[in-house]
Amino acid sequence: MRKVIAVIGFAGVFAVAGTAMAQFSSGSSEAGFTVGGAIPLTKTDLTSLGGKNETAVKSGVDFGGRYLYHTTPEWAFGGEVSYSAFGDKTHDLGGLAEIKESAGALDVQGIAKYTFAADKKTRPYLVGGIGYGNLKQKTQTKPIGGATWVDTGTTESRTNFDENLGGLALSIGAGFEHFLTDTLLLGIEGRWKYLGTKDTVNDPVLGAAWDIKSSSSLLLTAGLNWKFGK
């Protein structure tokens, strides 16, 4: 019986010690990567061309790397680089032509993170950032349904524009993380990201101008972080 009590007592001390070790303190750092889905929220209004007002591209994937330095167990500050590769989407223009849109977004942000219940192994947090982003957007038009280009009588795809647009990047979100070991964390996060790419692009194919005011998306990611330092 004493042996059983001793084993239980030792296990209890080990568990408490393990919980206490698996925490951040002032001077701790964490670095890691994230991967997940990128869901576009920005719409393209093609109703004047016989199309619809719908999301410009399809959902894709997002990859990111992050570093944070803890000034307190709750507060951490650092930086992040992430890239969203969206899926191509084809929009029908009244059965006579179709427009295919492609997009990818790269941004670099300074970020801040606040952790709740910082003494627990599993705890929620809020995260936000500000920085600079670049949106690469390409649009192509192709005749369909027996239609052809007036000048050549052909049906090849023609590029409306292929641009790199830069601007302010903002993000805000929330998640939770769990210490798998004393130094390895698993995190699940959801974030809204905004790129202020305000610009007007001339379209030689349609003879019009595209107003690209901004781009926004919802990121749902999982990540692994390594704790080091104190």
Protein backbone atom coordinates (compact mmCIF):
# COMPACT_ATOMS: atom_id res chain seq x y z
CA MET A 1 0.00 0.00 0.00
CA ARG A 2 2.85 2.35 0.86
CA LYS A 3 4.46 1.58 -2.49
CA VAL A 4 1.22 2.45 -4.28
CA ILE A 5 0.93 5.74 -2.35
CA ALA A 6 4.58 6.52 -3.07
CA VAL A 7 4.10 5.87 -6.81
CA ILE A 8 0.94 8.00 -6.92
CA GLY A 9 2.67 10.77 -4.99
CA PHE A 10 5.69 10.71 -7.29
CA ALA A 11 3.41 10.81 -10.37
CA GLY A 12 1.55 13.77 -8.91
CA VAL A 13 4.75 15.71 -8.26
CA PHE A 14 6.00 14.89 -11.77
CA ALA A 15 2.72 16.05 -13.33
CA VAL A 16 2.74 19.33 -11.41
CA ALA A 17 6.40 19.89 -12.23
CA GLY A 18 5.75 19.14 -15.88
CA THR A 19 2.86 21.61 -15.95
CA ALA A 20 4.97 24.28 -14.30
CA MET A 21 7.85 23.78 -16.74
CA ALA A 22 5.62 23.97 -19.79
CA GLN A 23 5.08 27.73 -19.55
CA PHE A 24 6.40 30.95 -20.98
CA SER A 25 8.04 33.59 -18.84
CA SER A 26 9.56 37.00 -19.41
CA GLY A 27 12.45 36.43 -21.82
CA SER A 28 11.06 33.25 -23.40
CA SER A 29 10.85 32.94 -27.17
CA GLU A 30 8.82 30.81 -29.53
CA ALA A 31 9.23 30.11 -33.25
CA GLY A 32 7.40 27.86 -35.63
CA PHE A 33 5.30 27.45 -38.75
CA THR A 34 1.64 27.29 -39.70
CA VAL A 35 -0.23 25.60 -42.53
CA GLY A 36 -3.90 25.50 -43.38
CA GLY A 37 -6.68 26.86 -45.55
CA ALA A 38 -7.17 30.32 -47.04
CA ILE A 39 -10.79 31.23 -47.77
CA PRO A 40 -11.25 34.30 -50.02
CA LEU A 41 -13.84 36.89 -49.01
CA THR A 42 -13.29 39.46 -51.76
CA LYS A 43 -15.86 39.49 -54.56
CA THR A 44 -15.64 40.50 -58.23
CA ASP A 45 -18.72 42.19 -59.69
CA LEU A 46 -19.11 41.02 -63.29
CA THR A 47 -22.83 41.73 -63.61
CA SER A 48 -22.19 44.51 -66.17
CA LEU A 49 -20.45 41.91 -68.38
CA GLY A 50 -23.17 39.27 -68.09
CA GLY A 51 -21.60 37.51 -65.10
CA LYS A 52 -22.26 37.42 -61.36
CA ASN A 53 -21.10 39.19 -58.23
CA GLU A 54 -19.16 36.39 -56.54
CA THR A 55 -15.86 35.59 -54.84
CA ALA A 56 -12.97 36.27 -57.19
CA VAL A 57 -11.02 33.04 -56.61
CA LYS A 58 -11.42 29.66 -54.89
CA SER A 59 -10.16 28.62 -51.46
CA GLY A 60 -6.52 27.63 -51.30
CA VAL A 61 -3.69 27.00 -48.86
CA ASP A 62 -1.70 29.25 -46.54
CA PHE A 63 1.86 28.76 -45.26
CA GLY A 64 3.53 30.88 -42.61
CA GLY A 65 6.48 31.27 -40.27
CA ARG A 66 6.39 33.14 -36.96
CA TYR A 67 8.71 34.32 -34.19
CA LEU A 68 7.59 35.79 -30.84
CA TYR A 69 9.40 37.13 -27.79
CA HIS A 70 7.58 37.13 -24.45
CA THR A 71 7.81 40.29 -22.37
CA THR A 72 5.49 38.64 -19.82
CA PRO A 73 3.89 35.17 -19.68
CA GLU A 74 0.79 36.70 -21.29
CA TRP A 75 2.21 39.21 -23.81
CA ALA A 76 4.45 38.35 -26.76
CA PHE A 77 5.63 40.41 -29.73
CA GLY A 78 7.40 39.47 -32.95
CA GLY A 79 6.99 39.00 -36.67
CA GLU A 80 5.42 36.73 -39.26
CA VAL A 81 5.72 35.97 -42.96
CA SER A 82 2.87 34.16 -44.71
CA TYR A 83 1.75 33.30 -48.23
CA SER A 84 -1.75 32.40 -49.43
CA ALA A 85 -2.08 30.54 -52.74
CA PHE A 86 -5.71 30.68 -53.88
CA GLY A 87 -7.33 28.39 -56.41
CA ASP A 88 -8.16 29.63 -59.92
CA LYS A 89 -11.82 30.43 -60.53
CA THR A 90 -13.63 30.72 -63.86
CA HIS A 91 -16.59 33.10 -64.23
CA ASP A 92 -19.11 32.68 -67.05
CA LEU A 93 -20.06 35.85 -68.97
CA GLY A 94 -23.47 35.05 -70.42
CA GLY A 95 -22.33 31.95 -72.30
CA LEU A 96 -20.19 33.94 -74.76
CA ALA A 97 -16.94 34.22 -72.80
CA GLU A 98 -15.37 33.24 -69.52
CA ILE A 99 -12.95 35.05 -67.24
CA LYS A 100 -10.43 33.10 -65.16
CA GLU A 101 -8.99 34.80 -62.08
CA SER A 102 -5.83 33.73 -60.23
CA ALA A 103 -4.38 35.25 -57.05
CA GLY A 104 -1.69 34.84 -54.43
CA ALA A 105 -0.91 37.04 -51.43
CA LEU A 106 2.39 37.47 -49.57
CA ASP A 107 2.68 39.60 -46.45
CA VAL A 108 5.11 40.48 -43.67
CA GLN A 109 3.63 41.67 -40.37
CA GLY A 110 4.68 42.68 -36.92
CA ILE A 111 2.37 40.82 -34.55
CA ALA A 112 1.24 40.90 -30.95
CA LYS A 113 -0.25 37.99 -29.02
CA TYR A 114 -2.09 37.92 -25.68
CA THR A 115 -2.53 34.57 -23.93
CA PHE A 116 -5.27 33.84 -21.43
CA ALA A 117 -4.72 31.39 -18.55
CA ALA A 118 -0.98 31.49 -19.22
CA ASP A 119 -0.27 29.01 -16.40
CA LYS A 120 -2.24 26.22 -18.13
CA LYS A 121 -0.99 23.69 -20.66
CA THR A 122 -3.97 24.41 -22.90
CA ARG A 123 -5.01 28.04 -23.23
CA PRO A 124 -6.73 30.44 -25.67
CA TYR A 125 -5.13 33.55 -27.12
CA LEU A 126 -5.77 36.62 -29.28
CA VAL A 127 -3.40 37.68 -32.05
CA GLY A 128 -3.19 40.68 -34.37
CA GLY A 129 -0.73 42.22 -36.77
CA ILE A 130 0.12 45.09 -39.08
CA GLY A 131 2.62 45.30 -41.93
CA TYR A 132 2.98 45.22 -45.71
CA GLY A 133 1.40 42.85 -48.23
CA ASN A 134 1.66 42.09 -51.93
CA LEU A 135 -1.21 40.72 -54.01
CA LYS A 136 -0.40 39.05 -57.34
CA GLN A 137 -3.54 38.91 -59.43
CA LYS A 138 -3.98 37.64 -62.99
CA THR A 139 -7.13 37.66 -65.11
CA GLN A 140 -7.66 36.02 -68.50
CA THR A 141 -10.63 36.03 -70.89
CA LYS A 142 -11.54 33.27 -73.36
CA PRO A 143 -14.46 33.09 -75.87
CA ILE A 144 -16.79 30.09 -75.43
CA GLY A 145 -19.98 28.68 -76.92
CA GLY A 146 -18.88 29.18 -80.51
CA ALA A 147 -17.86 32.83 -80.02
CA THR A 148 -14.49 34.07 -81.30
CA TRP A 149 -12.31 37.15 -81.03
CA VAL A 150 -13.53 39.78 -83.49
CA ASP A 151 -10.05 40.74 -84.72
CA THR A 152 -8.67 37.25 -85.38
CA GLY A 153 -11.59 34.80 -85.35
CA THR A 154 -9.69 32.67 -82.82
CA THR A 155 -10.58 31.43 -79.33
CA GLU A 156 -7.31 31.66 -77.36
CA SER A 157 -7.15 33.06 -73.82
CA ARG A 158 -6.03 36.68 -73.59
CA THR A 159 -4.60 38.32 -70.49
CA ASN A 160 -6.64 41.22 -69.11
CA PHE A 161 -3.92 42.04 -66.60
CA ASP A 162 -1.16 40.40 -64.59
CA GLU A 163 -0.26 42.71 -61.71
CA ASN A 164 1.61 42.83 -58.40
CA LEU A 165 -0.20 45.23 -56.07
CA GLY A 166 1.19 46.28 -52.69
CA GLY A 167 -0.35 47.91 -49.66
CA LEU A 168 -1.13 47.84 -45.97
CA ALA A 169 -1.62 44.40 -44.39
CA LEU A 170 -3.76 43.89 -41.28
CA SER A 171 -4.88 40.77 -39.44
CA ILE A 172 -6.78 39.85 -36.30
CA GLY A 173 -7.82 36.51 -34.89
CA ALA A 174 -7.91 34.01 -32.07
CA GLY A 175 -6.82 30.48 -31.33
CA PHE A 176 -5.72 28.05 -28.67
CA GLU A 177 -2.47 26.23 -28.05
CA HIS A 178 -1.44 23.13 -26.14
CA PHE A 179 1.96 22.07 -24.81
CA LEU A 180 2.69 18.62 -26.23
CA THR A 181 5.99 18.61 -24.35
CA ASP A 182 7.84 21.20 -22.28
CA THR A 183 9.12 22.83 -25.47
CA LEU A 184 6.71 21.84 -28.27
CA LEU A 185 3.28 23.43 -28.77
CA LEU A 186 0.42 22.63 -31.10
CA GLY A 187 -1.80 25.57 -32.06
CA ILE A 188 -5.10 25.99 -33.91
CA GLU A 189 -5.93 29.46 -35.18
CA GLY A 190 -8.49 31.44 -37.15
CA ARG A 191 -7.66 34.88 -38.52
CA TRP A 192 -9.13 37.55 -40.78
CA LYS A 193 -6.55 39.15 -43.06
CA TYR A 194 -6.86 42.36 -45.07
CA LEU A 195 -4.64 43.78 -47.83
CA GLY A 196 -5.26 47.41 -48.77
CA THR A 197 -4.28 47.13 -52.44
CA LYS A 198 -6.08 50.20 -53.74
CA ASP A 199 -5.30 50.59 -57.45
CA THR A 200 -6.86 50.90 -60.89
CA VAL A 201 -5.65 48.53 -63.59
CA ASN A 202 -6.30 49.14 -67.29
CA ASP A 203 -7.71 46.17 -69.22
CA PRO A 204 -6.64 46.13 -72.90
CA VAL A 205 -8.84 43.11 -73.68
CA LEU A 206 -12.18 44.50 -72.49
CA GLY A 207 -11.19 48.14 -72.92
CA ALA A 208 -12.13 48.93 -69.34
CA ALA A 209 -10.55 49.62 -65.95
CA TRP A 210 -10.57 47.34 -62.91
CA ASP A 211 -10.73 49.01 -59.49
CA ILE A 212 -8.90 46.72 -57.08
CA LYS A 213 -9.68 48.38 -53.76
CA SER A 214 -8.70 45.67 -51.31
CA SER A 215 -8.42 41.95 -50.68
CA SER A 216 -9.52 40.00 -47.62
CA SER A 217 -9.53 36.37 -46.58
CA LEU A 218 -10.16 34.04 -43.66
CA LEU A 219 -7.27 31.82 -42.58
CA LEU A 220 -7.84 28.57 -40.67
CA THR A 221 -4.46 27.10 -39.74
CA ALA A 222 -2.66 24.64 -37.49
CA GLY A 223 0.90 25.16 -36.37
CA LEU A 224 3.83 23.83 -34.37
CA ASN A 225 5.89 26.17 -32.19
CA TRP A 226 9.11 25.57 -30.29
CA LYS A 227 9.72 27.27 -26.97
CA PHE A 228 13.29 28.26 -26.18
CA GLY A 229 15.13 30.67 -23.93
CA LYS A 230 13.91 31.02 -20.36
